[in-house]
PDB file of N, CA and C in Angstrom:
ATOM      1  N   MET A   1      -0.656  -9.875 -17.438  1.00  0.00           N
ATOM      2  CA  MET A   1       0.147  -9.243 -18.445  1.00  0.00           C
ATOM      3  C   MET A   1       0.220 -10.124 -19.689  1.00  0.00           C
ATOM      4  N   ALA A   2       0.402 -11.429 -19.475  1.00  0.00           N
ATOM      5  CA  ALA A   2       0.501 -12.350 -20.605  1.00  0.00           C
ATOM      6  C   ALA A   2      -0.770 -12.349 -21.437  1.00  0.00           C
ATOM      7  N   ARG A   3      -1.928 -12.331 -20.790  1.00  0.00           N
ATOM      8  CA  ARG A   3      -3.194 -12.301 -21.528  1.00  0.00           C
ATOM      9  C   ARG A   3      -3.325 -11.025 -22.347  1.00  0.00           C
ATOM     10  N   THR A   4      -2.883  -9.929 -21.773  1.00  0.00           N
ATOM     11  CA  THR A   4      -2.947  -8.648 -22.481  1.00  0.00           C
ATOM     12  C   THR A   4      -2.061  -8.682 -23.716  1.00  0.00           C
ATOM     13  N   LEU A   5      -0.822  -9.110 -23.554  1.00  0.00           N
ATOM     14  CA  LEU A   5       0.109  -9.145 -24.680  1.00  0.00           C
ATOM     15  C   LEU A   5      -0.318 -10.143 -25.747  1.00  0.00           C
ATOM     16  N   ALA A   6      -0.929 -11.243 -25.343  1.00  0.00           N
ATOM     17  CA  ALA A   6      -1.383 -12.252 -26.296  1.00  0.00           C
ATOM     18  C   ALA A   6      -2.446 -11.707 -27.244  1.00  0.00           C
ATOM     19  N   GLN A   7      -3.168 -10.692 -26.810  1.00  0.00           N
ATOM     20  CA  GLN A   7      -4.208 -10.086 -27.644  1.00  0.00           C
ATOM     21  C   GLN A   7      -3.623  -9.079 -28.637  1.00  0.00           C
ATOM     22  N   THR A   8      -2.346  -8.792 -28.541  1.00  0.00           N
ATOM     23  CA  THR A   8      -1.615  -7.826 -29.371  1.00  0.00           C
ATOM     24  C   THR A   8      -2.369  -6.502 -29.567  1.00  0.00           C
ATOM     25  N   PRO A   9      -2.724  -5.841 -28.475  1.00  0.00           N
ATOM     26  CA  PRO A   9      -3.413  -4.557 -28.610  1.00  0.00           C
ATOM     27  C   PRO A   9      -2.452  -3.485 -29.123  1.00  0.00           C
ATOM     28  N   ASP A  10      -2.991  -2.458 -29.742  1.00  0.00           N
ATOM     29  CA  ASP A  10      -2.167  -1.346 -30.215  1.00  0.00           C
ATOM     30  C   ASP A  10      -1.761  -0.437 -29.069  1.00  0.00           C
ATOM     31  N   LEU A  11      -2.575  -0.406 -28.011  1.00  0.00           N
ATOM     32  CA  LEU A  11      -2.338   0.458 -26.868  1.00  0.00           C
ATOM     33  C   LEU A  11      -2.549  -0.326 -25.574  1.00  0.00           C
ATOM     34  N   ILE A  12      -1.603  -0.181 -24.657  1.00  0.00           N
ATOM     35  CA  ILE A  12      -1.732  -0.808 -23.338  1.00  0.00           C
ATOM     36  C   ILE A  12      -1.618   0.297 -22.292  1.00  0.00           C
ATOM     37  N   LEU A  13      -2.529   0.283 -21.330  1.00  0.00           N
ATOM     38  CA  LEU A  13      -2.501   1.218 -20.199  1.00  0.00           C
ATOM     39  C   LEU A  13      -2.152   0.429 -18.946  1.00  0.00           C
ATOM     40  N   LEU A  14      -1.118   0.875 -18.234  1.00  0.00           N
ATOM     41  CA  LEU A  14      -0.683   0.176 -17.026  1.00  0.00           C
ATOM     42  C   LEU A  14      -0.585   1.152 -15.862  1.00  0.00           C
ATOM     43  N   ASP A  15      -0.995   0.704 -14.700  1.00  0.00           N
ATOM     44  CA  ASP A  15      -0.890   1.506 -13.488  1.00  0.00           C
ATOM     45  C   ASP A  15       0.126   0.826 -12.575  1.00  0.00           C
ATOM     46  N   GLU A  16       1.293   1.427 -12.431  1.00  0.00           N
ATOM     47  CA  GLU A  16       2.357   0.903 -11.573  1.00  0.00           C
ATOM     48  C   GLU A  16       2.650  -0.572 -11.877  1.00  0.00           C
ATOM     49  N   PRO A  17       3.060  -0.897 -13.102  1.00  0.00           N
ATOM     50  CA  PRO A  17       3.226  -2.309 -13.471  1.00  0.00           C
ATOM     51  C   PRO A  17       4.301  -3.040 -12.679  1.00  0.00           C
ATOM     52  N   ALA A  18       5.273  -2.332 -12.128  1.00  0.00           N
ATOM     53  CA  ALA A  18       6.368  -2.986 -11.415  1.00  0.00           C
ATOM     54  C   ALA A  18       6.270  -2.790  -9.902  1.00  0.00           C
ATOM     55  N   ASN A  19       5.154  -2.298  -9.438  1.00  0.00           N
ATOM     56  CA  ASN A  19       4.992  -1.872  -8.052  1.00  0.00           C
ATOM     57  C   ASN A  19       5.349  -2.928  -7.015  1.00  0.00           C
ATOM     58  N   HIS A  20       4.935  -4.165  -7.194  1.00  0.00           N
ATOM     59  CA  HIS A  20       5.133  -5.180  -6.162  1.00  0.00           C
ATOM     60  C   HIS A  20       6.245  -6.164  -6.505  1.00  0.00           C
ATOM     61  N   LEU A  21       7.135  -5.745  -7.398  1.00  0.00           N
ATOM     62  CA  LEU A  21       8.241  -6.606  -7.782  1.00  0.00           C
ATOM     63  C   LEU A  21       9.534  -6.135  -7.140  1.00  0.00           C
ATOM     64  N   ASP A  22      10.463  -7.065  -6.939  1.00  0.00           N
ATOM     65  CA  ASP A  22      11.783  -6.660  -6.463  1.00  0.00           C
ATOM     66  C   ASP A  22      12.504  -5.954  -7.610  1.00  0.00           C
ATOM     67  N   LEU A  23      13.615  -5.293  -7.289  1.00  0.00           N
ATOM     68  CA  LEU A  23      14.305  -4.454  -8.257  1.00  0.00           C
ATOM     69  C   LEU A  23      14.700  -5.210  -9.528  1.00  0.00           C
ATOM     70  N   LYS A  24      15.236  -6.404  -9.374  1.00  0.00           N
ATOM     71  CA  LYS A  24      15.646  -7.197 -10.534  1.00  0.00           C
ATOM     72  C   LYS A  24      14.471  -7.451 -11.475  1.00  0.00           C
ATOM     73  N   HIS A  25      13.334  -7.843 -10.909  1.00  0.00           N
ATOM     74  CA  HIS A  25      12.181  -8.172 -11.741  1.00  0.00           C
ATOM     75  C   HIS A  25      11.491  -6.915 -12.294  1.00  0.00           C
ATOM     76  N   GLN A  26      11.593  -5.799 -11.584  1.00  0.00           N
ATOM     77  CA  GLN A  26      11.103  -4.532 -12.142  1.00  0.00           C
ATOM     78  C   GLN A  26      11.850  -4.215 -13.430  1.00  0.00           C
ATOM     79  N   ILE A  27      13.166  -4.296 -13.363  1.00  0.00           N
ATOM     80  CA  ILE A  27      14.002  -3.978 -14.519  1.00  0.00           C
ATOM     81  C   ILE A  27      13.735  -4.957 -15.661  1.00  0.00           C
ATOM     82  N   GLU A  28      13.638  -6.245 -15.348  1.00  0.00           N
ATOM     83  CA  GLU A  28      13.369  -7.243 -16.385  1.00  0.00           C
ATOM     84  C   GLU A  28      12.023  -6.984 -17.067  1.00  0.00           C
ATOM     85  N   LEU A  29      10.990  -6.740 -16.276  1.00  0.00           N
ATOM     86  CA  LEU A  29       9.669  -6.485 -16.839  1.00  0.00           C
ATOM     87  C   LEU A  29       9.668  -5.233 -17.710  1.00  0.00           C
ATOM     88  N   LEU A  30      10.240  -4.159 -17.216  1.00  0.00           N
ATOM     89  CA  LEU A  30      10.208  -2.901 -17.968  1.00  0.00           C
ATOM     90  C   LEU A  30      11.094  -2.954 -19.206  1.00  0.00           C
ATOM     91  N   ASN A  31      12.218  -3.660 -19.135  1.00  0.00           N
ATOM     92  CA  ASN A  31      13.026  -3.871 -20.344  1.00  0.00           C
ATOM     93  C   ASN A  31      12.247  -4.674 -21.378  1.00  0.00           C
ATOM     94  N   PHE A  32      11.567  -5.725 -20.914  1.00  0.00           N
ATOM     95  CA  PHE A  32      10.751  -6.537 -21.821  1.00  0.00           C
ATOM     96  C   PHE A  32       9.670  -5.690 -22.487  1.00  0.00           C
ATOM     97  N   LEU A  33       8.952  -4.902 -21.693  1.00  0.00           N
ATOM     98  CA  LEU A  33       7.873  -4.085 -22.251  1.00  0.00           C
ATOM     99  C   LEU A  33       8.407  -3.050 -23.239  1.00  0.00           C
ATOM    100  N   LYS A  34       9.520  -2.430 -22.922  1.00  0.00           N
ATOM    101  CA  LYS A  34      10.104  -1.436 -23.825  1.00  0.00           C
ATOM    102  C   LYS A  34      10.497  -2.081 -25.151  1.00  0.00           C
ATOM    103  N   THR A  35      11.106  -3.253 -25.082  1.00  0.00           N
ATOM    104  CA  THR A  35      11.481  -3.983 -26.304  1.00  0.00           C
ATOM    105  C   THR A  35      10.237  -4.393 -27.079  1.00  0.00           C
ATOM    106  N   TRP A  36       9.238  -4.915 -26.389  1.00  0.00           N
ATOM    107  CA  TRP A  36       8.010  -5.368 -27.041  1.00  0.00           C
ATOM    108  C   TRP A  36       7.335  -4.211 -27.774  1.00  0.00           C
ATOM    109  N   VAL A  37       7.275  -3.052 -27.133  1.00  0.00           N
ATOM    110  CA  VAL A  37       6.653  -1.870 -27.747  1.00  0.00           C
ATOM    111  C   VAL A  37       7.390  -1.485 -29.026  1.00  0.00           C
ATOM    112  N   LYS A  38       8.713  -1.441 -28.965  1.00  0.00           N
ATOM    113  CA  LYS A  38       9.500  -1.026 -30.134  1.00  0.00           C
ATOM    114  C   LYS A  38       9.434  -2.044 -31.258  1.00  0.00           C
ATOM    115  N   GLU A  39       9.565  -3.319 -30.924  1.00  0.00           N
ATOM    116  CA  GLU A  39       9.565  -4.359 -31.956  1.00  0.00           C
ATOM    117  C   GLU A  39       8.215  -4.531 -32.629  1.00  0.00           C
ATOM    118  N   ASN A  40       7.134  -4.203 -31.918  1.00  0.00           N
ATOM    119  CA  ASN A  40       5.794  -4.412 -32.449  1.00  0.00           C
ATOM    120  C   ASN A  40       5.079  -3.116 -32.811  1.00  0.00           C
ATOM    121  N   ASN A  41       5.801  -1.988 -32.713  1.00  0.00           N
ATOM    122  CA  ASN A  41       5.226  -0.680 -33.043  1.00  0.00           C
ATOM    123  C   ASN A  41       3.916  -0.439 -32.280  1.00  0.00           C
ATOM    124  N   LYS A  42       3.965  -0.634 -30.976  1.00  0.00           N
ATOM    125  CA  LYS A  42       2.802  -0.466 -30.098  1.00  0.00           C
ATOM    126  C   LYS A  42       3.007   0.755 -29.205  1.00  0.00           C
ATOM    127  N   THR A  43       1.971   1.122 -28.478  1.00  0.00           N
ATOM    128  CA  THR A  43       2.029   2.240 -27.546  1.00  0.00           C
ATOM    129  C   THR A  43       1.709   1.733 -26.151  1.00  0.00           C
ATOM    130  N   LEU A  44       2.513   2.161 -25.184  1.00  0.00           N
ATOM    131  CA  LEU A  44       2.294   1.795 -23.794  1.00  0.00           C
ATOM    132  C   LEU A  44       2.266   3.079 -22.979  1.00  0.00           C
ATOM    133  N   ILE A  45       1.222   3.248 -22.211  1.00  0.00           N
ATOM    134  CA  ILE A  45       1.089   4.386 -21.302  1.00  0.00           C
ATOM    135  C   ILE A  45       1.022   3.807 -19.897  1.00  0.00           C
ATOM    136  N   SER A  46       1.870   4.331 -19.031  1.00  0.00           N
ATOM    137  CA  SER A  46       1.940   3.784 -17.678  1.00  0.00           C
ATOM    138  C   SER A  46       2.061   4.893 -16.647  1.00  0.00           C
ATOM    139  N   VAL A  47       1.521   4.629 -15.473  1.00  0.00           N
ATOM    140  CA  VAL A  47       1.671   5.513 -14.322  1.00  0.00           C
ATOM    141  C   VAL A  47       2.853   5.011 -13.511  1.00  0.00           C
ATOM    142  N   PHE A  48       3.747   5.944 -13.143  1.00  0.00           N
ATOM    143  CA  PHE A  48       4.876   5.619 -12.276  1.00  0.00           C
ATOM    144  C   PHE A  48       4.969   6.664 -11.191  1.00  0.00           C
ATOM    145  N   HIS A  49       5.138   6.222  -9.954  1.00  0.00           N
ATOM    146  CA  HIS A  49       5.475   7.135  -8.877  1.00  0.00           C
ATOM    147  C   HIS A  49       6.980   7.130  -8.647  1.00  0.00           C
ATOM    148  N   ASP A  50       7.648   6.081  -9.104  1.00  0.00           N
ATOM    149  CA  ASP A  50       9.098   5.978  -8.986  1.00  0.00           C
ATOM    150  C   ASP A  50       9.723   6.758 -10.144  1.00  0.00           C
ATOM    151  N   LEU A  51      10.279   7.923  -9.839  1.00  0.00           N
ATOM    152  CA  LEU A  51      10.850   8.794 -10.870  1.00  0.00           C
ATOM    153  C   LEU A  51      12.038   8.152 -11.558  1.00  0.00           C
ATOM    154  N   ASN A  52      12.782   7.321 -10.840  1.00  0.00           N
ATOM    155  CA  ASN A  52      13.919   6.650 -11.450  1.00  0.00           C
ATOM    156  C   ASN A  52      13.464   5.682 -12.542  1.00  0.00           C
ATOM    157  N   LEU A  53      12.422   4.916 -12.280  1.00  0.00           N
ATOM    158  CA  LEU A  53      11.899   4.006 -13.296  1.00  0.00           C
ATOM    159  C   LEU A  53      11.311   4.775 -14.469  1.00  0.00           C
ATOM    160  N   ALA A  54      10.602   5.834 -14.186  1.00  0.00           N
ATOM    161  CA  ALA A  54      10.029   6.653 -15.261  1.00  0.00           C
ATOM    162  C   ALA A  54      11.125   7.194 -16.164  1.00  0.00           C
ATOM    163  N   ARG A  55      12.191   7.731 -15.567  1.00  0.00           N
ATOM    164  CA  ARG A  55      13.295   8.297 -16.352  1.00  0.00           C
ATOM    165  C   ARG A  55      14.026   7.210 -17.133  1.00  0.00           C
ATOM    166  N   GLN A  56      14.238   6.056 -16.520  1.00  0.00           N
ATOM    167  CA  GLN A  56      14.988   4.978 -17.152  1.00  0.00           C
ATOM    168  C   GLN A  56      14.244   4.364 -18.338  1.00  0.00           C
ATOM    169  N   PHE A  57      12.928   4.231 -18.219  1.00  0.00           N
ATOM    170  CA  PHE A  57      12.195   3.465 -19.220  1.00  0.00           C
ATOM    171  C   PHE A  57      11.224   4.286 -20.059  1.00  0.00           C
ATOM    172  N   GLY A  58      10.985   5.534 -19.686  1.00  0.00           N
ATOM    173  CA  GLY A  58      10.026   6.340 -20.431  1.00  0.00           C
ATOM    174  C   GLY A  58      10.666   7.167 -21.524  1.00  0.00           C
ATOM    175  N   ASP A  59       9.870   7.496 -22.507  1.00  0.00           N
ATOM    176  CA  ASP A  59      10.302   8.390 -23.585  1.00  0.00           C
ATOM    177  C   ASP A  59       9.713   9.781 -23.397  1.00  0.00           C
ATOM    178  N   THR A  60       8.441   9.808 -23.022  1.00  0.00           N
ATOM    179  CA  THR A  60       7.745  11.067 -22.760  1.00  0.00           C
ATOM    180  C   THR A  60       7.025  10.944 -21.433  1.00  0.00           C
ATOM    181  N   ALA A  61       6.666  12.101 -20.859  1.00  0.00           N
ATOM    182  CA  ALA A  61       6.013  12.064 -19.553  1.00  0.00           C
ATOM    183  C   ALA A  61       5.040  13.214 -19.396  1.00  0.00           C
ATOM    184  N   ILE A  62       4.086  12.977 -18.543  1.00  0.00           N
ATOM    185  CA  ILE A  62       3.188  14.017 -18.057  1.00  0.00           C
ATOM    186  C   ILE A  62       3.325  14.006 -16.546  1.00  0.00           C
ATOM    187  N   VAL A  63       3.658  15.150 -15.973  1.00  0.00           N
ATOM    188  CA  VAL A  63       3.788  15.271 -14.521  1.00  0.00           C
ATOM    189  C   VAL A  63       2.553  15.992 -14.012  1.00  0.00           C
ATOM    190  N   LEU A  64       1.877  15.366 -13.062  1.00  0.00           N
ATOM    191  CA  LEU A  64       0.676  15.949 -12.487  1.00  0.00           C
ATOM    192  C   LEU A  64       0.979  16.563 -11.127  1.00  0.00           C
ATOM    193  N   ASN A  65       0.291  17.642 -10.834  1.00  0.00           N
ATOM    194  CA  ASN A  65       0.389  18.302  -9.538  1.00  0.00           C
ATOM    195  C   ASN A  65      -1.035  18.570  -9.065  1.00  0.00           C
ATOM    196  N   ASN A  66      -1.488  17.768  -8.106  1.00  0.00           N
ATOM    197  CA  ASN A  66      -2.867  17.873  -7.603  1.00  0.00           C
ATOM    198  C   ASN A  66      -3.896  17.780  -8.720  1.00  0.00           C
ATOM    199  N   GLY A  67      -3.672  16.842  -9.644  1.00  0.00           N
ATOM    200  CA  GLY A  67      -4.617  16.595 -10.721  1.00  0.00           C
ATOM    201  C   GLY A  67      -4.502  17.526 -11.911  1.00  0.00           C
ATOM    202  N   THR A  68      -3.580  18.455 -11.883  1.00  0.00           N
ATOM    203  CA  THR A  68      -3.368  19.401 -12.975  1.00  0.00           C
ATOM    204  C   THR A  68      -2.034  19.082 -13.644  1.00  0.00           C
ATOM    205  N   ILE A  69      -1.973  19.216 -14.953  1.00  0.00           N
ATOM    206  CA  ILE A  69      -0.724  18.956 -15.668  1.00  0.00           C
ATOM    207  C   ILE A  69       0.274  20.070 -15.353  1.00  0.00           C
ATOM    208  N   ALA A  70       1.371  19.686 -14.719  1.00  0.00           N
ATOM    209  CA  ALA A  70       2.440  20.633 -14.387  1.00  0.00           C
ATOM    210  C   ALA A  70       3.426  20.741 -15.542  1.00  0.00           C
ATOM    211  N   ALA A  71       3.624  19.635 -16.286  1.00  0.00           N
ATOM    212  CA  ALA A  71       4.538  19.623 -17.420  1.00  0.00           C
ATOM    213  C   ALA A  71       4.280  18.377 -18.254  1.00  0.00           C
ATOM    214  N   SER A  72       4.589  18.470 -19.537  1.00  0.00           N
ATOM    215  CA  SER A  72       4.510  17.302 -20.410  1.00  0.00           C
ATOM    216  C   SER A  72       5.524  17.475 -21.529  1.00  0.00           C
ATOM    217  N   GLY A  73       6.038  16.350 -22.004  1.00  0.00           N
ATOM    218  CA  GLY A  73       7.012  16.383 -23.088  1.00  0.00           C
ATOM    219  C   GLY A  73       8.018  15.257 -22.957  1.00  0.00           C
ATOM    220  N   LYS A  74       9.175  15.450 -23.588  1.00  0.00           N
ATOM    221  CA  LYS A  74      10.235  14.444 -23.527  1.00  0.00           C
ATOM    222  C   LYS A  74      10.683  14.266 -22.075  1.00  0.00           C
ATOM    223  N   ILE A  75      10.994  13.038 -21.729  1.00  0.00           N
ATOM    224  CA  ILE A  75      11.261  12.682 -20.335  1.00  0.00           C
ATOM    225  C   ILE A  75      12.345  13.550 -19.707  1.00  0.00           C
ATOM    226  N   ASP A  76      13.428  13.818 -20.430  1.00  0.00           N
ATOM    227  CA  ASP A  76      14.523  14.600 -19.852  1.00  0.00           C
ATOM    228  C   ASP A  76      14.158  16.068 -19.655  1.00  0.00           C
ATOM    229  N   GLU A  77      13.204  16.557 -20.432  1.00  0.00           N
ATOM    230  CA  GLU A  77      12.758  17.941 -20.276  1.00  0.00           C
ATOM    231  C   GLU A  77      11.773  18.081 -19.122  1.00  0.00           C
ATOM    232  N   VAL A  78      10.984  17.061 -18.910  1.00  0.00           N
ATOM    233  CA  VAL A  78       9.917  17.117 -17.916  1.00  0.00           C
ATOM    234  C   VAL A  78      10.399  16.742 -16.521  1.00  0.00           C
ATOM    235  N   LEU A  79      11.232  15.714 -16.435  1.00  0.00           N
ATOM    236  CA  LEU A  79      11.743  15.290 -15.132  1.00  0.00           C
ATOM    237  C   LEU A  79      13.034  16.046 -14.830  1.00  0.00           C
ATOM    238  N   ASN A  80      12.879  17.321 -14.597  1.00  0.00           N
ATOM    239  CA  ASN A  80      14.037  18.142 -14.236  1.00  0.00           C
ATOM    240  C   ASN A  80      13.810  18.742 -12.854  1.00  0.00           C
ATOM    241  N   GLY A  81      14.887  19.214 -12.263  1.00  0.00           N
ATOM    242  CA  GLY A  81      14.836  19.711 -10.891  1.00  0.00           C
ATOM    243  C   GLY A  81      13.823  20.806 -10.668  1.00  0.00           C
ATOM    244  N   GLU A  82      13.755  21.761 -11.572  1.00  0.00           N
ATOM    245  CA  GLU A  82      12.852  22.904 -11.383  1.00  0.00           C
ATOM    246  C   GLU A  82      11.393  22.470 -11.347  1.00  0.00           C
ATOM    247  N   ILE A  83      11.002  21.669 -12.296  1.00  0.00           N
ATOM    248  CA  ILE A  83       9.602  21.202 -12.358  1.00  0.00           C
ATOM    249  C   ILE A  83       9.280  20.332 -11.146  1.00  0.00           C
ATOM    250  N   LEU A  84      10.160  19.372 -10.855  1.00  0.00           N
ATOM    251  CA  LEU A  84       9.895  18.454  -9.745  1.00  0.00           C
ATOM    252  C   LEU A  84       9.939  19.151  -8.398  1.00  0.00           C
ATOM    253  N   ASN A  85      10.814  20.126  -8.249  1.00  0.00           N
ATOM    254  CA  ASN A  85      10.848  20.891  -6.999  1.00  0.00           C
ATOM    255  C   ASN A  85       9.523  21.606  -6.792  1.00  0.00           C
ATOM    256  N   GLY A  86       8.959  22.147  -7.872  1.00  0.00           N
ATOM    257  CA  GLY A  86       7.671  22.828  -7.770  1.00  0.00           C
ATOM    258  C   GLY A  86       6.533  21.884  -7.427  1.00  0.00           C
ATOM    259  N   VAL A  87       6.575  20.690  -7.973  1.00  0.00           N
ATOM    260  CA  VAL A  87       5.511  19.713  -7.730  1.00  0.00           C
ATOM    261  C   VAL A  87       5.613  19.116  -6.333  1.00  0.00           C
ATOM    262  N   TYR A  88       6.809  18.716  -5.934  1.00  0.00           N
ATOM    263  CA  TYR A  88       6.992  18.008  -4.666  1.00  0.00           C
ATOM    264  C   TYR A  88       7.370  18.918  -3.505  1.00  0.00           C
ATOM    265  N   GLY A  89       7.816  20.128  -3.808  1.00  0.00           N
ATOM    266  CA  GLY A  89       8.180  21.056  -2.740  1.00  0.00           C
ATOM    267  C   GLY A  89       9.465  20.700  -2.022  1.00  0.00           C
ATOM    268  N   ILE A  90      10.289  19.861  -2.654  1.00  0.00           N
ATOM    269  CA  ILE A  90      11.596  19.523  -2.095  1.00  0.00           C
ATOM    270  C   ILE A  90      12.624  19.536  -3.221  1.00  0.00           C
ATOM    271  N   ASP A  91      13.884  19.633  -2.853  1.00  0.00           N
ATOM    272  CA  ASP A  91      14.959  19.596  -3.831  1.00  0.00           C
ATOM    273  C   ASP A  91      15.220  18.125  -4.185  1.00  0.00           C
ATOM    274  N   ILE A  92      14.593  17.664  -5.241  1.00  0.00           N
ATOM    275  CA  ILE A  92      14.674  16.260  -5.656  1.00  0.00           C
ATOM    276  C   ILE A  92      16.117  15.857  -5.940  1.00  0.00           C
ATOM    277  N   ARG A  93      16.830  16.702  -6.661  1.00  0.00           N
ATOM    278  CA  ARG A  93      18.209  16.391  -7.028  1.00  0.00           C
ATOM    279  C   ARG A  93      19.068  16.177  -5.773  1.00  0.00           C
ATOM    280  N   ALA A  94      18.950  17.057  -4.790  1.00  0.00           N
ATOM    281  CA  ALA A  94      19.722  16.930  -3.546  1.00  0.00           C
ATOM    282  C   ALA A  94      19.317  15.657  -2.798  1.00  0.00           C
ATOM    283  N   PHE A  95      18.028  15.370  -2.774  1.00  0.00           N
ATOM    284  CA  PHE A  95      17.553  14.172  -2.089  1.00  0.00           C
ATOM    285  C   PHE A  95      18.136  12.919  -2.729  1.00  0.00           C
ATOM    286  N   LEU A  96      18.115  12.843  -4.063  1.00  0.00           N
ATOM    287  CA  LEU A  96      18.628  11.663  -4.750  1.00  0.00           C
ATOM    288  C   LEU A  96      20.142  11.528  -4.590  1.00  0.00           C
ATOM    289  N   ARG A  97      20.842  12.642  -4.625  1.00  0.00           N
ATOM    290  CA  ARG A  97      22.293  12.589  -4.404  1.00  0.00           C
ATOM    291  C   ARG A  97      22.598  12.056  -3.003  1.00  0.00           C
ATOM    292  N   GLU A  98      21.889  12.565  -2.014  1.00  0.00           N
ATOM    293  CA  GLU A  98      22.086  12.107  -0.638  1.00  0.00           C
ATOM    294  C   GLU A  98      21.791  10.621  -0.524  1.00  0.00           C
ATOM    295  N   SER A  99      20.747  10.177  -1.187  1.00  0.00           N
ATOM    296  CA  SER A  99      20.380   8.768  -1.163  1.00  0.00           C
ATOM    297  C   SER A  99      21.478   7.919  -1.798  1.00  0.00           C
ATOM    298  N   LEU A 100      22.020   8.364  -2.923  1.00  0.00           N
ATOM    299  CA  LEU A 100      23.086   7.612  -3.595  1.00  0.00           C
ATOM    300  C   LEU A 100      24.347   7.546  -2.742  1.00  0.00           C
ATOM    301  N   GLU A 101      24.625   8.595  -2.007  1.00  0.00           N
ATOM    302  CA  GLU A 101      25.812   8.609  -1.149  1.00  0.00           C
ATOM    303  C   GLU A 101      25.753   7.524  -0.081  1.00  0.00           C
ATOM    304  N   ARG A 102      24.586   7.119   0.311  1.00  0.00           N
ATOM    305  CA  ARG A 102      24.433   6.072   1.331  1.00  0.00           C
ATOM    306  C   ARG A 102      24.795   4.688   0.806  1.00  0.00           C
ATOM    307  N   TRP A 103      24.928   4.557  -0.528  1.00  0.00           N
ATOM    308  CA  TRP A 103      25.241   3.254  -1.135  1.00  0.00           C
ATOM    309  C   TRP A 103      26.733   3.019  -1.296  1.00  0.00           C
ATOM    310  N   LYS A 104      27.564   3.804  -0.681  1.00  0.00           N
ATOM    311  CA  LYS A 104      29.028   3.633  -0.800  1.00  0.00           C
ATOM    312  C   LYS A 104      29.484   2.300  -0.279  1.00  0.00           C
TER     313      LYS A 104
END
Protein backbone atom coordinates (compact mmCIF):
# COMPACT_ATOMS: atom_id res chain seq x y z
CA MET A 1 0.00 0.00 0.00
CA ALA A 2 2.82 2.39 0.89
CA ARG A 3 4.52 1.87 -2.48
CA THR A 4 1.25 2.54 -4.27
CA LEU A 5 0.55 5.75 -2.36
CA ALA A 6 4.13 6.95 -2.77
CA GLN A 7 3.60 6.97 -6.54
CA THR A 8 0.61 9.34 -6.08
CA PRO A 9 -1.57 7.69 -8.73
CA ASP A 10 -4.83 9.37 -9.75
CA LEU A 11 -6.68 6.06 -9.48
CA ILE A 12 -6.18 3.13 -7.12
CA LEU A 13 -7.95 -0.23 -7.50
CA LEU A 14 -8.15 -2.41 -4.39
CA ASP A 15 -9.58 -5.87 -3.86
CA GLU A 16 -10.69 -6.38 -0.24
CA PRO A 17 -8.03 -4.04 1.21
CA ALA A 18 -9.04 -4.72 4.83
CA ASN A 19 -9.74 -8.43 4.44
CA HIS A 20 -7.05 -9.85 6.74
CA LEU A 21 -7.01 -7.08 9.32
CA ASP A 22 -8.68 -6.99 12.71
CA LEU A 23 -11.59 -4.58 13.11
CA LYS A 24 -9.52 -1.75 14.60
CA HIS A 25 -6.99 -1.83 11.78
CA GLN A 26 -9.71 -2.16 9.12
CA ILE A 27 -11.26 1.06 10.36
CA GLU A 28 -7.89 2.83 10.62
CA LEU A 29 -6.86 1.81 7.10
CA LEU A 30 -10.18 2.76 5.52
CA ASN A 31 -10.34 6.08 7.38
CA PHE A 32 -6.81 6.83 6.18
CA LEU A 33 -7.66 5.95 2.58
CA LYS A 34 -10.86 8.02 2.62
CA THR A 35 -8.96 11.03 3.98
CA TRP A 36 -6.11 10.54 1.51
CA VAL A 37 -8.54 10.40 -1.43
CA LYS A 38 -10.33 13.59 -0.36
CA GLU A 39 -7.21 15.58 0.52
CA ASN A 40 -5.43 14.64 -2.71
CA ASN A 41 -8.44 14.67 -5.07
CA LYS A 42 -7.84 11.03 -6.06
CA THR A 43 -10.15 8.16 -6.97
CA LEU A 44 -10.25 4.82 -5.18
CA ILE A 45 -12.26 1.86 -6.41
CA SER A 46 -12.46 -1.13 -4.12
CA VAL A 47 -14.21 -4.48 -3.88
CA PHE A 48 -15.94 -5.19 -0.57
CA HIS A 49 -17.89 -8.24 0.48
CA ASP A 50 -18.47 -6.70 3.91
CA LEU A 51 -21.57 -4.55 3.38
CA ASN A 52 -20.97 -2.69 6.63
CA LEU A 53 -17.54 -1.51 5.50
CA ALA A 54 -18.86 -0.61 2.07
CA ARG A 55 -21.68 1.47 3.59
CA GLN A 56 -19.40 3.12 6.17
CA PHE A 57 -16.60 4.12 3.81
CA GLY A 58 -18.07 4.20 0.31
CA ASP A 59 -19.71 7.05 -1.54
CA THR A 60 -21.03 5.11 -4.53
CA ALA A 61 -21.46 1.42 -5.21
CA ILE A 62 -22.08 -1.17 -7.84
CA VAL A 63 -23.81 -4.32 -6.62
CA LEU A 64 -23.23 -7.42 -8.71
CA ASN A 65 -25.48 -10.45 -8.92
CA ASN A 66 -23.84 -13.41 -10.67
CA GLY A 67 -21.61 -11.06 -12.67
CA THR A 68 -24.44 -8.75 -13.74
CA ILE A 69 -24.96 -5.24 -12.37
CA ALA A 70 -27.99 -5.39 -10.08
CA ALA A 71 -27.73 -1.73 -9.03
CA SER A 72 -25.36 1.22 -9.11
CA GLY A 73 -25.40 4.70 -7.64
CA LYS A 74 -25.07 6.46 -4.30
CA ILE A 75 -24.27 4.04 -1.50
CA ASP A 76 -27.48 4.64 0.47
CA GLU A 77 -29.62 4.10 -2.63
CA VAL A 78 -27.86 0.93 -3.70
CA LEU A 79 -27.32 -0.81 -0.37
CA ASN A 80 -30.97 -1.03 0.54
CA GLY A 81 -33.05 -3.96 1.71
CA GLU A 82 -34.96 -4.51 -1.52
CA ILE A 83 -31.90 -4.67 -3.76
CA LEU A 84 -29.84 -6.75 -1.33
CA ASN A 85 -32.71 -9.14 -0.64
CA GLY A 86 -32.93 -9.76 -4.38
CA VAL A 87 -29.20 -10.34 -4.72
CA TYR A 88 -28.65 -12.48 -1.63
CA GLY A 89 -32.08 -14.08 -1.32
CA ILE A 90 -32.31 -13.28 2.38
CA ASP A 91 -33.70 -10.44 4.45
CA ILE A 92 -30.43 -8.57 5.05
CA ARG A 93 -31.99 -6.01 7.37
CA ALA A 94 -33.49 -8.71 9.64
CA PHE A 95 -30.21 -10.63 9.64
CA LEU A 96 -28.20 -7.56 10.67
CA ARG A 97 -30.69 -6.60 13.37
CA GLU A 98 -30.54 -10.12 14.80
CA SER A 99 -26.76 -9.99 14.72
CA LEU A 100 -26.70 -6.64 16.55
CA GLU A 101 -29.05 -7.98 19.22
CA ARG A 102 -26.42 -10.57 20.14
CA TRP A 103 -24.03 -7.76 21.16
CA LYS A 104 -26.09 -6.70 24.20
